[in-house]
Amino acid sequence: MKLLLISIAPVLIIIIYIYYRDKYDREPLKILFRALLVGAIISVPVIFVERFLSGYIPDGQVFSAAYSGFIVAGFTEESFKFLAFMVFIWSSIHFNEKFDGIVYAVFISLGFAMVENVLYVLNGGYQVGIIRSLTAVPAHALFGVVMGYYLGLAKFFPQQRIFFIMLAWLIPILLHGFYNFCLMAQQYWLLILMFPFLIYLWISGFRKMKYLSDHSIFRSDWSNTDSFGI
């Protein structure tokens, strides 16, 4: 029971933070729960796809780490999160301001992260739970922030919609892939590089949240796209 609580606690903390960060027009709890549930459900097909792709891992530590990080994990997991968002959230009447993109993408990401975290922690114990609560779970949330940021822009700037949608799909894959690659390559310099990379994710994520929050649908200062935090 304690391991289960350790697995879920970091997810709940981030969920509460994101919910209250949406200060202008908070999303219905029913829709947020649906987004969280969808994120959890996609973990099932993700497991099967990742197992299939893992059968083609190339030789060599660096090559296998790159393949596992960018393709098996990054591409598969972020693509399913993106697909879940586009199917269940994109056309929703509740997606009615730019910051909502971040809210829903993070909830989907954390639904997936919750299932993944439970599996890892139940197998690895308390130490794994503590480490992942400080690294993997926040990382999933921050990948969701990036995805939601660009989807929020895509929703309200139709003239650049395709461009922002592509960024919403591609950039989280690259960030997720690099995160996993650093862990899997078993190179000291890459593990050291993880610290500034995680700091970058945090700083960039908070800037994106602040930007969309400050430039909500209720304000009129979206005169051009020169200041987008791309």
Protein backbone atom coordinates (compact mmCIF):
# COMPACT_ATOMS: atom_id res chain seq x y z
CA MET A 1 0.00 0.00 0.00
CA LYS A 2 2.87 2.36 0.85
CA LEU A 3 4.55 1.65 -2.48
CA LEU A 4 1.30 2.46 -4.26
CA LEU A 5 1.04 5.77 -2.41
CA ILE A 6 4.65 6.63 -3.28
CA SER A 7 3.86 5.86 -6.92
CA ILE A 8 0.76 8.04 -7.10
CA ALA A 9 1.75 10.92 -4.78
CA PRO A 10 3.99 12.85 -7.24
CA VAL A 11 1.30 12.58 -9.92
CA LEU A 12 -1.35 14.01 -7.57
CA ILE A 13 0.90 16.87 -6.49
CA ILE A 14 1.55 17.97 -10.08
CA ILE A 15 -2.11 17.52 -11.04
CA ILE A 16 -3.22 19.80 -8.20
CA TYR A 17 -0.61 22.39 -9.14
CA ILE A 18 -1.64 22.44 -12.82
CA TYR A 19 -5.33 22.60 -11.91
CA TYR A 20 -4.87 25.70 -9.76
CA ARG A 21 -2.44 27.24 -12.24
CA ASP A 22 -5.38 27.43 -14.67
CA LYS A 23 -6.59 30.59 -12.98
CA TYR A 24 -9.08 32.08 -15.47
CA ASP A 25 -11.50 29.33 -16.48
CA ARG A 26 -10.78 26.03 -14.78
CA GLU A 27 -11.70 22.89 -16.66
CA PRO A 28 -14.56 20.62 -15.51
CA LEU A 29 -13.31 17.92 -13.16
CA LYS A 30 -15.16 15.30 -15.20
CA ILE A 31 -13.22 16.20 -18.34
CA LEU A 32 -9.93 16.33 -16.46
CA PHE A 33 -10.59 12.89 -14.99
CA ARG A 34 -11.35 11.64 -18.51
CA ALA A 35 -8.04 13.03 -19.76
CA LEU A 36 -6.22 11.33 -16.87
CA LEU A 37 -8.04 8.07 -17.56
CA VAL A 38 -7.27 8.21 -21.28
CA GLY A 39 -3.61 8.72 -20.43
CA ALA A 40 -3.71 5.65 -18.22
CA ILE A 41 -5.50 3.56 -20.85
CA ILE A 42 -2.99 4.30 -23.61
CA SER A 43 -0.32 2.65 -21.47
CA VAL A 44 -1.75 -0.72 -22.59
CA PRO A 45 -1.14 -0.33 -26.36
CA VAL A 46 2.13 1.47 -25.60
CA ILE A 47 3.40 -1.62 -23.78
CA PHE A 48 2.67 -3.85 -26.77
CA VAL A 49 4.13 -1.44 -29.32
CA GLU A 50 7.28 -0.95 -27.25
CA ARG A 51 7.71 -4.70 -26.87
CA PHE A 52 7.38 -5.12 -30.63
CA LEU A 53 9.87 -2.34 -31.39
CA SER A 54 12.29 -3.68 -28.77
CA GLY A 55 12.74 -6.77 -30.90
CA TYR A 56 14.73 -4.73 -33.43
CA ILE A 57 17.27 -3.05 -31.15
CA PRO A 58 20.59 -2.53 -33.03
CA ASP A 59 23.98 -3.67 -31.73
CA GLY A 60 26.21 -1.35 -29.78
CA GLN A 61 25.51 0.43 -26.49
CA VAL A 62 25.14 3.91 -27.95
CA PHE A 63 23.05 2.81 -30.95
CA SER A 64 20.79 0.62 -28.83
CA ALA A 65 20.37 3.44 -26.29
CA ALA A 66 19.50 5.91 -29.05
CA TYR A 67 17.01 3.51 -30.61
CA SER A 68 15.43 2.61 -27.27
CA GLY A 69 15.33 6.21 -26.10
CA PHE A 70 14.12 8.00 -29.20
CA ILE A 71 12.08 5.32 -31.00
CA VAL A 72 10.90 2.72 -28.49
CA ALA A 73 10.14 5.17 -25.67
CA GLY A 74 10.07 8.73 -27.01
CA PHE A 75 8.30 8.16 -30.31
CA THR A 76 5.83 5.57 -29.03
CA GLU A 77 4.79 7.21 -25.77
CA GLU A 78 4.58 10.79 -27.01
CA SER A 79 2.78 9.76 -30.20
CA PHE A 80 0.10 7.96 -28.22
CA LYS A 81 -0.28 10.94 -25.88
CA PHE A 82 -0.56 13.24 -28.89
CA LEU A 83 -3.12 10.95 -30.53
CA ALA A 84 -5.13 10.80 -27.31
CA PHE A 85 -5.20 14.59 -27.13
CA MET A 86 -6.28 15.01 -30.75
CA VAL A 87 -9.03 12.38 -30.46
CA PHE A 88 -10.49 13.24 -27.06
CA ILE A 89 -9.62 16.89 -26.42
CA TRP A 90 -8.94 18.84 -29.61
CA SER A 91 -12.59 19.33 -30.64
CA SER A 92 -13.95 19.67 -27.10
CA ILE A 93 -15.93 22.81 -26.30
CA HIS A 94 -13.95 22.98 -23.06
CA PHE A 95 -10.72 23.57 -24.96
CA ASN A 96 -11.58 27.24 -25.16
CA GLU A 97 -8.41 29.04 -24.10
CA LYS A 98 -4.74 28.62 -24.88
CA PHE A 99 -3.65 27.48 -21.42
CA ASP A 100 -6.13 24.59 -21.67
CA GLY A 101 -3.75 22.90 -24.08
CA ILE A 102 -1.18 22.62 -21.31
CA VAL A 103 -3.75 21.47 -18.74
CA TYR A 104 -5.14 18.63 -20.84
CA ALA A 105 -1.77 17.51 -22.25
CA VAL A 106 -0.30 17.33 -18.75
CA PHE A 107 -3.26 15.36 -17.42
CA ILE A 108 -2.95 12.86 -20.28
CA SER A 109 0.80 12.61 -19.72
CA LEU A 110 0.36 12.09 -15.98
CA GLY A 111 -2.29 9.44 -16.51
CA PHE A 112 0.28 7.51 -18.47
CA ALA A 113 3.07 8.35 -16.00
CA MET A 114 0.95 7.11 -13.10
CA VAL A 115 0.54 3.62 -14.57
CA GLU A 116 4.19 3.48 -15.61
CA ASN A 117 5.31 4.66 -12.18
CA VAL A 118 3.20 2.12 -10.33
CA LEU A 119 4.72 -0.71 -12.38
CA TYR A 120 8.29 0.50 -11.83
CA VAL A 121 7.91 1.21 -8.12
CA LEU A 122 6.13 -2.04 -7.30
CA ASN A 123 9.02 -3.87 -8.94
CA GLY A 124 11.86 -1.64 -7.73
CA GLY A 125 10.79 -0.52 -4.28
CA TYR A 126 11.07 2.72 -2.29
CA GLN A 127 14.36 3.94 -3.76
CA VAL A 128 12.99 3.70 -7.29
CA GLY A 129 9.86 5.51 -6.16
CA ILE A 130 11.81 8.40 -4.68
CA ILE A 131 14.11 8.75 -7.70
CA ARG A 132 11.24 8.63 -10.19
CA SER A 133 9.19 11.12 -8.16
CA LEU A 134 12.00 13.64 -8.70
CA THR A 135 12.85 12.75 -12.29
CA ALA A 136 10.61 10.60 -14.50
CA VAL A 137 7.19 11.77 -13.29
CA PRO A 138 8.00 15.51 -13.52
CA ALA A 139 9.67 14.85 -16.87
CA HIS A 140 6.46 13.35 -18.25
CA ALA A 141 4.56 16.38 -16.99
CA LEU A 142 7.07 18.76 -18.60
CA PHE A 143 6.87 16.90 -21.92
CA GLY A 144 3.11 17.42 -21.60
CA VAL A 145 3.64 21.13 -20.99
CA VAL A 146 5.59 21.40 -24.24
CA MET A 147 2.97 19.45 -26.19
CA GLY A 148 0.10 21.43 -24.69
CA TYR A 149 1.84 24.74 -25.28
CA TYR A 150 2.07 24.22 -29.02
CA LEU A 151 -1.39 22.67 -29.23
CA GLY A 152 -2.74 25.72 -27.41
CA LEU A 153 -1.13 27.94 -30.03
CA ALA A 154 -2.34 25.68 -32.85
CA LYS A 155 -5.93 25.84 -31.64
CA PHE A 156 -6.12 29.62 -31.65
CA PHE A 157 -3.84 30.48 -34.56
CA PRO A 158 -5.32 28.55 -37.52
CA GLN A 159 -3.05 30.28 -40.01
CA GLN A 160 -0.07 28.46 -38.42
CA ARG A 161 -1.95 25.42 -37.17
CA ILE A 162 -0.05 22.72 -39.07
CA PHE A 163 3.30 24.17 -38.00
CA PHE A 164 2.37 24.26 -34.31
CA ILE A 165 0.76 20.81 -34.42
CA MET A 166 3.95 19.36 -35.88
CA LEU A 167 5.97 21.02 -33.11
CA ALA A 168 3.53 19.68 -30.52
CA TRP A 169 4.21 16.15 -31.74
CA LEU A 170 7.91 16.32 -32.63
CA ILE A 171 9.51 18.33 -29.80
CA PRO A 172 8.21 16.13 -26.94
CA ILE A 173 9.50 13.07 -28.83
CA LEU A 174 12.97 14.63 -29.08
CA LEU A 175 13.01 15.77 -25.45
CA HIS A 176 11.72 12.42 -24.19
CA GLY A 177 14.14 10.54 -26.43
CA PHE A 178 17.13 12.54 -25.23
CA TYR A 179 16.09 12.05 -21.60
CA ASN A 180 15.96 8.26 -22.03
CA PHE A 181 19.10 8.19 -24.17
CA CYS A 182 21.11 9.88 -21.41
CA LEU A 183 19.94 7.25 -18.93
CA MET A 184 20.39 4.23 -21.20
CA ALA A 185 23.74 5.03 -22.84
CA GLN A 186 25.62 4.40 -19.58
CA GLN A 187 28.05 7.20 -20.29
CA TYR A 188 29.14 9.35 -17.36
CA TRP A 189 29.19 12.55 -19.38
CA LEU A 190 25.60 11.98 -20.49
CA LEU A 191 24.48 11.33 -16.92
CA ILE A 192 26.16 14.58 -15.90
CA LEU A 193 24.44 16.32 -18.81
CA MET A 194 21.10 15.17 -17.39
CA PHE A 195 21.21 17.78 -14.63
CA PRO A 196 21.37 20.89 -16.85
CA PHE A 197 18.89 19.22 -19.20
CA LEU A 198 16.37 18.72 -16.38
CA ILE A 199 16.93 22.29 -15.22
CA TYR A 200 16.27 23.45 -18.79
CA LEU A 201 13.02 21.44 -18.88
CA TRP A 202 11.84 23.03 -15.63
CA ILE A 203 12.74 26.59 -16.62
CA SER A 204 11.33 26.23 -20.13
CA GLY A 205 8.18 24.56 -18.81
CA PHE A 206 7.44 27.28 -16.28
CA ARG A 207 8.08 29.97 -18.89
CA LYS A 208 5.63 28.33 -21.27
CA MET A 209 3.01 28.05 -18.55
CA LYS A 210 3.48 31.67 -17.54
CA TYR A 211 3.36 32.85 -21.14
CA LEU A 212 0.06 31.17 -21.97
CA SER A 213 -1.39 32.04 -18.59
CA ASP A 214 -0.48 35.72 -18.98
CA HIS A 215 -1.78 35.73 -22.55
CA SER A 216 -5.07 34.00 -21.91
CA ILE A 217 -8.08 34.13 -24.21
CA PHE A 218 -9.50 36.87 -22.02
CA ARG A 219 -6.72 39.27 -22.94
CA SER A 220 -6.19 41.10 -26.19
CA ASP A 221 -2.40 41.41 -26.45
CA TRP A 222 -1.89 38.63 -29.03
CA SER A 223 -1.15 41.05 -31.82
CA ASN A 224 1.59 39.04 -33.50
CA THR A 225 3.60 35.86 -33.19
CA ASP A 226 7.02 37.46 -32.77
CA SER A 227 7.18 36.66 -29.06
CA PHE A 228 6.19 32.99 -29.19
CA GLY A 229 8.53 30.99 -26.99
CA ILE A 230 9.47 28.51 -29.70
